[in-house]
PDB file of all heavy atoms in Angstrom:
ATOM      1  N   ILE A   1    -216.470 -56.192 -10.915  1.00  0.00           N
ATOM      2  CA  ILE A   1    -216.551 -54.784 -10.918  1.00  0.00           C
ATOM      3  C   ILE A   1    -215.358 -54.271 -11.682  1.00  0.00           C
ATOM      4  O   ILE A   1    -215.671 -53.204 -12.534  1.00  0.00           O
ATOM      5  CB  ILE A   1    -216.496 -54.252  -9.518  1.00  0.00           C
ATOM      6  CG1 ILE A   1    -217.827 -54.433  -8.703  1.00  0.00           C
ATOM      7  CG2 ILE A   1    -216.250 -52.656  -9.482  1.00  0.00           C
ATOM      8  CD1 ILE A   1    -217.991 -53.951  -7.385  1.00  0.00           C
ATOM      9  N   SER A   2    -214.206 -54.711 -11.591  1.00  0.00           N
ATOM     10  CA  SER A   2    -213.090 -54.136 -12.269  1.00  0.00           C
ATOM     11  C   SER A   2    -212.913 -54.609 -13.683  1.00  0.00           C
ATOM     12  O   SER A   2    -212.542 -53.889 -14.583  1.00  0.00           O
ATOM     13  CB  SER A   2    -211.739 -54.438 -11.500  1.00  0.00           C
ATOM     14  OG  SER A   2    -211.642 -55.867 -11.477  1.00  0.00           O
ATOM     15  N   ARG A   3    -213.308 -55.755 -14.015  1.00  0.00           N
ATOM     16  CA  ARG A   3    -213.083 -56.381 -15.376  1.00  0.00           C
ATOM     17  C   ARG A   3    -214.284 -56.939 -16.020  1.00  0.00           C
ATOM     18  O   ARG A   3    -214.317 -57.418 -17.128  1.00  0.00           O
ATOM     19  CB  ARG A   3    -211.940 -57.345 -15.323  1.00  0.00           C
ATOM     20  CG  ARG A   3    -210.613 -56.865 -14.740  1.00  0.00           C
ATOM     21  CD  ARG A   3    -209.572 -57.904 -14.794  1.00  0.00           C
ATOM     22  NE  ARG A   3    -208.338 -57.414 -14.228  1.00  0.00           N
ATOM     23  CZ  ARG A   3    -207.468 -56.669 -14.953  1.00  0.00           C
ATOM     24  NH1 ARG A   3    -207.735 -56.358 -16.209  1.00  0.00           N
ATOM     25  NH2 ARG A   3    -206.267 -56.255 -14.412  1.00  0.00           N
ATOM     26  N   LYS A   4    -215.362 -57.117 -15.228  1.00  0.00           N
ATOM     27  CA  LYS A   4    -216.669 -57.778 -15.786  1.00  0.00           C
ATOM     28  C   LYS A   4    -216.206 -59.121 -16.283  1.00  0.00           C
ATOM     29  O   LYS A   4    -216.647 -59.582 -17.402  1.00  0.00           O
ATOM     30  CB  LYS A   4    -217.266 -56.946 -16.891  1.00  0.00           C
ATOM     31  CG  LYS A   4    -218.021 -55.677 -16.299  1.00  0.00           C
ATOM     32  CD  LYS A   4    -218.997 -55.101 -17.259  1.00  0.00           C
ATOM     33  CE  LYS A   4    -219.799 -54.039 -16.515  1.00  0.00           C
ATOM     34  NZ  LYS A   4    -220.840 -53.429 -17.421  1.00  0.00           N
ATOM     35  N   SER A   5    -215.606 -59.994 -15.633  1.00  0.00           N
ATOM     36  CA  SER A   5    -215.168 -61.230 -15.987  1.00  0.00           C
ATOM     37  C   SER A   5    -216.379 -62.172 -15.880  1.00  0.00           C
ATOM     38  O   SER A   5    -217.184 -62.183 -14.996  1.00  0.00           O
ATOM     39  CB  SER A   5    -214.017 -61.782 -14.962  1.00  0.00           C
ATOM     40  OG  SER A   5    -213.791 -63.181 -15.194  1.00  0.00           O
ATOM     41  N   TYR A   6    -216.525 -63.010 -16.989  1.00  0.00           N
ATOM     42  CA  TYR A   6    -217.643 -63.902 -17.112  1.00  0.00           C
ATOM     43  C   TYR A   6    -217.557 -65.047 -15.999  1.00  0.00           C
ATOM     44  O   TYR A   6    -218.545 -65.395 -15.366  1.00  0.00           O
ATOM     45  CB  TYR A   6    -217.698 -64.619 -18.472  1.00  0.00           C
ATOM     46  CG  TYR A   6    -218.740 -65.714 -18.572  1.00  0.00           C
ATOM     47  CD1 TYR A   6    -219.942 -65.285 -18.931  1.00  0.00           C
ATOM     48  CD2 TYR A   6    -218.421 -67.041 -18.423  1.00  0.00           C
ATOM     49  CE1 TYR A   6    -220.997 -66.290 -19.077  1.00  0.00           C
ATOM     50  CE2 TYR A   6    -219.396 -67.995 -18.669  1.00  0.00           C
ATOM     51  CZ  TYR A   6    -220.696 -67.565 -19.001  1.00  0.00           C
ATOM     52  OH  TYR A   6    -221.662 -68.541 -19.166  1.00  0.00           O
ATOM     53  N   SER A   7    -216.287 -65.506 -15.714  1.00  0.00           N
ATOM     54  CA  SER A   7    -216.200 -66.599 -14.797  1.00  0.00           C
ATOM     55  C   SER A   7    -216.579 -66.013 -13.336  1.00  0.00           C
ATOM     56  O   SER A   7    -216.744 -66.964 -12.432  1.00  0.00           O
ATOM     57  CB  SER A   7    -214.751 -67.099 -14.712  1.00  0.00           C
ATOM     58  OG  SER A   7    -213.809 -66.026 -14.496  1.00  0.00           O
ATOM     59  N   ALA A   8    -216.491 -64.726 -13.099  1.00  0.00           N
ATOM     60  CA  ALA A   8    -216.805 -64.244 -11.770  1.00  0.00           C
ATOM     61  C   ALA A   8    -218.197 -64.463 -11.312  1.00  0.00           C
ATOM     62  O   ALA A   8    -218.539 -64.408 -10.139  1.00  0.00           O
ATOM     63  CB  ALA A   8    -216.441 -62.749 -11.665  1.00  0.00           C
ATOM     64  N   ASN A   9    -219.109 -64.890 -12.299  1.00  0.00           N
ATOM     65  CA  ASN A   9    -220.456 -65.010 -11.914  1.00  0.00           C
ATOM     66  C   ASN A   9    -220.785 -66.322 -11.235  1.00  0.00           C
ATOM     67  O   ASN A   9    -221.943 -66.592 -10.831  1.00  0.00           O
ATOM     68  CB  ASN A   9    -221.323 -65.036 -13.267  1.00  0.00           C
ATOM     69  CG  ASN A   9    -221.341 -63.695 -13.950  1.00  0.00           C
ATOM     70  OD1 ASN A   9    -222.108 -62.868 -13.426  1.00  0.00           O
ATOM     71  ND2 ASN A   9    -220.535 -63.483 -14.936  1.00  0.00           N
ATOM     72  N   PHE A  10    -219.848 -67.236 -11.002  1.00  0.00           N
ATOM     73  CA  PHE A  10    -220.040 -68.418 -10.192  1.00  0.00           C
ATOM     74  C   PHE A  10    -220.309 -68.058  -8.789  1.00  0.00           C
ATOM     75  O   PHE A  10    -220.907 -68.819  -7.952  1.00  0.00           O
ATOM     76  CB  PHE A  10    -218.827 -69.338 -10.280  1.00  0.00           C
ATOM     77  CG  PHE A  10    -217.699 -69.069  -9.484  1.00  0.00           C
ATOM     78  CD1 PHE A  10    -217.697 -69.598  -8.175  1.00  0.00           C
ATOM     79  CD2 PHE A  10    -216.598 -68.257  -9.875  1.00  0.00           C
ATOM     80  CE1 PHE A  10    -216.607 -69.311  -7.251  1.00  0.00           C
ATOM     81  CE2 PHE A  10    -215.546 -67.996  -9.073  1.00  0.00           C
ATOM     82  CZ  PHE A  10    -215.513 -68.445  -7.720  1.00  0.00           C
ATOM     83  N   SER A  11    -219.830 -66.846  -8.313  1.00  0.00           N
ATOM     84  CA  SER A  11    -219.948 -66.476  -6.906  1.00  0.00           C
ATOM     85  C   SER A  11    -221.449 -65.867  -6.818  1.00  0.00           C
ATOM     86  O   SER A  11    -221.796 -64.987  -7.510  1.00  0.00           O
ATOM     87  CB  SER A  11    -218.954 -65.327  -6.507  1.00  0.00           C
ATOM     88  OG  SER A  11    -219.368 -64.761  -5.360  1.00  0.00           O
ATOM     89  N   PRO A  12    -222.227 -66.393  -5.815  1.00  0.00           N
ATOM     90  CA  PRO A  12    -223.498 -65.798  -5.671  1.00  0.00           C
ATOM     91  C   PRO A  12    -223.523 -64.274  -5.357  1.00  0.00           C
ATOM     92  O   PRO A  12    -224.554 -63.622  -5.583  1.00  0.00           O
ATOM     93  CB  PRO A  12    -224.218 -66.679  -4.576  1.00  0.00           C
ATOM     94  CG  PRO A  12    -222.963 -67.286  -3.913  1.00  0.00           C
ATOM     95  CD  PRO A  12    -221.925 -67.404  -4.941  1.00  0.00           C
ATOM     96  N   MET A  13    -222.432 -63.843  -4.655  1.00  0.00           N
ATOM     97  CA  MET A  13    -222.417 -62.336  -4.331  1.00  0.00           C
ATOM     98  C   MET A  13    -222.321 -61.620  -5.567  1.00  0.00           C
ATOM     99  O   MET A  13    -222.895 -60.468  -5.669  1.00  0.00           O
ATOM    100  CB  MET A  13    -221.190 -62.122  -3.426  1.00  0.00           C
ATOM    101  CG  MET A  13    -221.154 -60.653  -2.969  1.00  0.00           C
ATOM    102  SD  MET A  13    -219.734 -60.355  -1.876  1.00  0.00           S
ATOM    103  CE  MET A  13    -220.373 -61.130  -0.336  1.00  0.00           C
ATOM    104  N   THR A  14    -221.600 -62.085  -6.657  1.00  0.00           N
ATOM    105  CA  THR A  14    -221.573 -61.356  -7.908  1.00  0.00           C
ATOM    106  C   THR A  14    -222.962 -61.277  -8.397  1.00  0.00           C
ATOM    107  O   THR A  14    -223.414 -60.142  -8.961  1.00  0.00           O
ATOM    108  CB  THR A  14    -220.703 -62.028  -8.920  1.00  0.00           C
ATOM    109  OG1 THR A  14    -219.433 -62.178  -8.295  1.00  0.00           O
ATOM    110  CG2 THR A  14    -220.539 -61.284 -10.174  1.00  0.00           C
ATOM    111  N   THR A  15    -223.700 -62.314  -8.461  1.00  0.00           N
ATOM    112  CA  THR A  15    -225.081 -62.289  -9.060  1.00  0.00           C
ATOM    113  C   THR A  15    -226.067 -61.355  -8.248  1.00  0.00           C
ATOM    114  O   THR A  15    -226.804 -60.646  -8.836  1.00  0.00           O
ATOM    115  CB  THR A  15    -225.589 -63.737  -9.059  1.00  0.00           C
ATOM    116  OG1 THR A  15    -224.649 -64.585  -9.908  1.00  0.00           O
ATOM    117  CG2 THR A  15    -226.939 -63.776  -9.759  1.00  0.00           C
ATOM    118  N   VAL A  16    -225.902 -61.568  -6.965  1.00  0.00           N
ATOM    119  CA  VAL A  16    -226.701 -60.659  -6.023  1.00  0.00           C
ATOM    120  C   VAL A  16    -226.530 -59.166  -6.275  1.00  0.00           C
ATOM    121  O   VAL A  16    -227.364 -58.362  -6.343  1.00  0.00           O
ATOM    122  CB  VAL A  16    -226.592 -61.066  -4.524  1.00  0.00           C
ATOM    123  CG1 VAL A  16    -227.163 -60.012  -3.661  1.00  0.00           C
ATOM    124  CG2 VAL A  16    -227.233 -62.427  -4.271  1.00  0.00           C
ATOM    125  N   MET A  17    -225.227 -58.933  -6.363  1.00  0.00           N
ATOM    126  CA  MET A  17    -224.777 -57.511  -6.647  1.00  0.00           C
ATOM    127  C   MET A  17    -225.370 -57.046  -7.953  1.00  0.00           C
ATOM    128  O   MET A  17    -225.893 -55.856  -8.029  1.00  0.00           O
ATOM    129  CB  MET A  17    -223.247 -57.426  -6.675  1.00  0.00           C
ATOM    130  CG  MET A  17    -222.675 -56.087  -6.911  1.00  0.00           C
ATOM    131  SD  MET A  17    -220.931 -56.029  -6.980  1.00  0.00           S
ATOM    132  CE  MET A  17    -220.684 -57.012  -8.408  1.00  0.00           C
ATOM    133  N   ARG A  18    -225.290 -57.832  -8.989  1.00  0.00           N
ATOM    134  CA  ARG A  18    -225.931 -57.430 -10.225  1.00  0.00           C
ATOM    135  C   ARG A  18    -227.578 -57.312 -10.159  1.00  0.00           C
ATOM    136  O   ARG A  18    -228.018 -56.476 -10.881  1.00  0.00           O
ATOM    137  CB  ARG A  18    -225.528 -58.399 -11.291  1.00  0.00           C
ATOM    138  CG  ARG A  18    -224.022 -58.539 -11.546  1.00  0.00           C
ATOM    139  CD  ARG A  18    -223.679 -59.589 -12.621  1.00  0.00           C
ATOM    140  NE  ARG A  18    -224.130 -59.176 -13.910  1.00  0.00           N
ATOM    141  CZ  ARG A  18    -224.021 -60.027 -14.920  1.00  0.00           C
ATOM    142  NH1 ARG A  18    -223.567 -61.201 -14.805  1.00  0.00           N
ATOM    143  NH2 ARG A  18    -224.477 -59.578 -16.107  1.00  0.00           N
ATOM    144  N   LEU A  19    -228.082 -58.210  -9.350  1.00  0.00           N
ATOM    145  CA  LEU A  19    -229.505 -58.228  -9.307  1.00  0.00           C
ATOM    146  C   LEU A  19    -230.065 -56.954  -8.601  1.00  0.00           C
ATOM    147  O   LEU A  19    -230.954 -56.297  -9.073  1.00  0.00           O
ATOM    148  CB  LEU A  19    -230.004 -59.393  -8.542  1.00  0.00           C
ATOM    149  CG  LEU A  19    -229.971 -60.745  -9.407  1.00  0.00           C
ATOM    150  CD1 LEU A  19    -230.223 -61.950  -8.411  1.00  0.00           C
ATOM    151  CD2 LEU A  19    -230.936 -60.633 -10.523  1.00  0.00           C
ATOM    152  N   PHE A  20    -229.465 -56.576  -7.423  1.00  0.00           N
ATOM    153  CA  PHE A  20    -230.061 -55.478  -6.618  1.00  0.00           C
ATOM    154  C   PHE A  20    -229.733 -54.159  -7.275  1.00  0.00           C
ATOM    155  O   PHE A  20    -230.363 -53.087  -7.030  1.00  0.00           O
ATOM    156  CB  PHE A  20    -229.656 -55.541  -5.189  1.00  0.00           C
ATOM    157  CG  PHE A  20    -228.245 -55.235  -4.813  1.00  0.00           C
ATOM    158  CD1 PHE A  20    -227.583 -54.043  -5.111  1.00  0.00           C
ATOM    159  CD2 PHE A  20    -227.440 -56.176  -4.244  1.00  0.00           C
ATOM    160  CE1 PHE A  20    -226.315 -53.787  -4.799  1.00  0.00           C
ATOM    161  CE2 PHE A  20    -226.126 -55.936  -3.876  1.00  0.00           C
ATOM    162  CZ  PHE A  20    -225.545 -54.742  -4.138  1.00  0.00           C
ATOM    163  N   THR A  21    -228.740 -54.134  -8.294  1.00  0.00           N
ATOM    164  CA  THR A  21    -228.626 -52.829  -9.026  1.00  0.00           C
ATOM    165  C   THR A  21    -229.410 -52.776 -10.271  1.00  0.00           C
ATOM    166  O   THR A  21    -229.339 -51.767 -10.990  1.00  0.00           O
ATOM    167  CB  THR A  21    -227.061 -52.755  -9.384  1.00  0.00           C
ATOM    168  OG1 THR A  21    -226.639 -53.918 -10.104  1.00  0.00           O
ATOM    169  CG2 THR A  21    -226.179 -52.560  -8.211  1.00  0.00           C
ATOM    170  N   GLY A  22    -230.198 -53.820 -10.562  1.00  0.00           N
ATOM    171  CA  GLY A  22    -231.134 -53.776 -11.641  1.00  0.00           C
ATOM    172  C   GLY A  22    -230.529 -54.202 -12.918  1.00  0.00           C
ATOM    173  O   GLY A  22    -231.086 -53.964 -14.051  1.00  0.00           O
ATOM    174  N   GLU A  23    -229.349 -54.754 -12.900  1.00  0.00           N
ATOM    175  CA  GLU A  23    -228.689 -55.064 -14.231  1.00  0.00           C
ATOM    176  C   GLU A  23    -229.313 -56.365 -14.868  1.00  0.00           C
ATOM    177  O   GLU A  23    -229.724 -57.231 -14.072  1.00  0.00           O
ATOM    178  CB  GLU A  23    -227.196 -55.486 -13.969  1.00  0.00           C
ATOM    179  CG  GLU A  23    -226.431 -55.788 -15.162  1.00  0.00           C
ATOM    180  CD  GLU A  23    -224.952 -56.126 -14.867  1.00  0.00           C
ATOM    181  OE1 GLU A  23    -224.472 -55.693 -13.730  1.00  0.00           O
ATOM    182  OE2 GLU A  23    -224.241 -56.691 -15.749  1.00  0.00           O
ATOM    183  N   ALA A  24    -229.501 -56.285 -16.118  1.00  0.00           N
ATOM    184  CA  ALA A  24    -230.142 -57.464 -16.742  1.00  0.00           C
ATOM    185  C   ALA A  24    -229.060 -58.578 -16.913  1.00  0.00           C
ATOM    186  O   ALA A  24    -227.960 -58.341 -17.423  1.00  0.00           O
ATOM    187  CB  ALA A  24    -230.589 -57.062 -18.187  1.00  0.00           C
ATOM    188  N   ILE A  25    -229.398 -59.704 -16.362  1.00  0.00           N
ATOM    189  CA  ILE A  25    -228.431 -60.837 -16.309  1.00  0.00           C
ATOM    190  C   ILE A  25    -228.816 -61.996 -17.221  1.00  0.00           C
ATOM    191  O   ILE A  25    -229.999 -62.475 -17.110  1.00  0.00           O
ATOM    192  CB  ILE A  25    -228.277 -61.434 -14.853  1.00  0.00           C
ATOM    193  CG1 ILE A  25    -228.012 -60.281 -13.863  1.00  0.00           C
ATOM    194  CG2 ILE A  25    -227.232 -62.511 -14.778  1.00  0.00           C
ATOM    195  CD1 ILE A  25    -227.860 -60.828 -12.581  1.00  0.00           C
ATOM    196  N   PRO A  26    -228.085 -62.319 -18.228  1.00  0.00           N
ATOM    197  CA  PRO A  26    -228.415 -63.475 -19.111  1.00  0.00           C
ATOM    198  C   PRO A  26    -228.642 -64.714 -18.262  1.00  0.00           C
ATOM    199  O   PRO A  26    -227.993 -64.899 -17.190  1.00  0.00           O
ATOM    200  CB  PRO A  26    -227.143 -63.638 -19.902  1.00  0.00           C
ATOM    201  CG  PRO A  26    -226.576 -62.282 -19.952  1.00  0.00           C
ATOM    202  CD  PRO A  26    -226.790 -61.796 -18.541  1.00  0.00           C
ATOM    203  N   LEU A  27    -229.472 -65.598 -18.724  1.00  0.00           N
ATOM    204  CA  LEU A  27    -229.924 -66.783 -17.936  1.00  0.00           C
ATOM    205  C   LEU A  27    -228.702 -67.637 -17.668  1.00  0.00           C
ATOM    206  O   LEU A  27    -228.640 -68.191 -16.500  1.00  0.00           O
ATOM    207  CB  LEU A  27    -230.948 -67.628 -18.754  1.00  0.00           C
ATOM    208  CG  LEU A  27    -231.600 -68.815 -18.060  1.00  0.00           C
ATOM    209  CD1 LEU A  27    -232.201 -68.429 -16.660  1.00  0.00           C
ATOM    210  CD2 LEU A  27    -232.516 -69.519 -18.908  1.00  0.00           C
ATOM    211  N   PRO A  28    -227.737 -68.008 -18.609  1.00  0.00           N
ATOM    212  CA  PRO A  28    -226.627 -68.776 -18.235  1.00  0.00           C
ATOM    213  C   PRO A  28    -225.794 -68.283 -17.148  1.00  0.00           C
ATOM    214  O   PRO A  28    -225.313 -68.975 -16.235  1.00  0.00           O
ATOM    215  CB  PRO A  28    -225.933 -68.733 -19.553  1.00  0.00           C
ATOM    216  CG  PRO A  28    -226.797 -68.532 -20.685  1.00  0.00           C
ATOM    217  CD  PRO A  28    -227.767 -67.562 -20.041  1.00  0.00           C
ATOM    218  N   GLU A  29    -225.589 -66.945 -17.045  1.00  0.00           N
ATOM    219  CA  GLU A  29    -224.830 -66.270 -15.908  1.00  0.00           C
ATOM    220  C   GLU A  29    -225.681 -66.419 -14.606  1.00  0.00           C
ATOM    221  O   GLU A  29    -225.062 -66.523 -13.525  1.00  0.00           O
ATOM    222  CB  GLU A  29    -224.529 -64.903 -16.287  1.00  0.00           C
ATOM    223  CG  GLU A  29    -223.629 -64.796 -17.530  1.00  0.00           C
ATOM    224  CD  GLU A  29    -223.300 -63.279 -17.877  1.00  0.00           C
ATOM    225  OE1 GLU A  29    -223.502 -62.425 -17.032  1.00  0.00           O
ATOM    226  OE2 GLU A  29    -222.830 -63.088 -19.047  1.00  0.00           O
ATOM    227  N   LEU A  30    -226.865 -66.311 -14.695  1.00  0.00           N
ATOM    228  CA  LEU A  30    -227.737 -66.427 -13.551  1.00  0.00           C
ATOM    229  C   LEU A  30    -227.738 -67.780 -12.909  1.00  0.00           C
ATOM    230  O   LEU A  30    -227.712 -68.045 -11.757  1.00  0.00           O
ATOM    231  CB  LEU A  30    -229.203 -65.946 -13.755  1.00  0.00           C
ATOM    232  CG  LEU A  30    -230.131 -65.986 -12.629  1.00  0.00           C
ATOM    233  CD1 LEU A  30    -229.777 -64.899 -11.544  1.00  0.00           C
ATOM    234  CD2 LEU A  30    -231.597 -65.614 -13.109  1.00  0.00           C
ATOM    235  N   LEU A  31    -227.747 -68.776 -13.858  1.00  0.00           N
ATOM    236  CA  LEU A  31    -227.840 -70.180 -13.422  1.00  0.00           C
ATOM    237  C   LEU A  31    -226.518 -70.592 -12.930  1.00  0.00           C
ATOM    238  O   LEU A  31    -226.397 -71.514 -12.149  1.00  0.00           O
ATOM    239  CB  LEU A  31    -228.294 -71.081 -14.582  1.00  0.00           C
ATOM    240  CG  LEU A  31    -229.714 -70.903 -14.953  1.00  0.00           C
ATOM    241  CD1 LEU A  31    -229.988 -71.797 -16.274  1.00  0.00           C
ATOM    242  CD2 LEU A  31    -230.667 -71.270 -13.918  1.00  0.00           C
TER     243      LEU A  31
END
């Protein structure tokens, strides 16, 4: 949220947060 760090996507909570807000997530970050 504060820095949009790429490495933060390893946490499933980060991915879920981006998903339920409708953000388009690139496949590598989703995987």
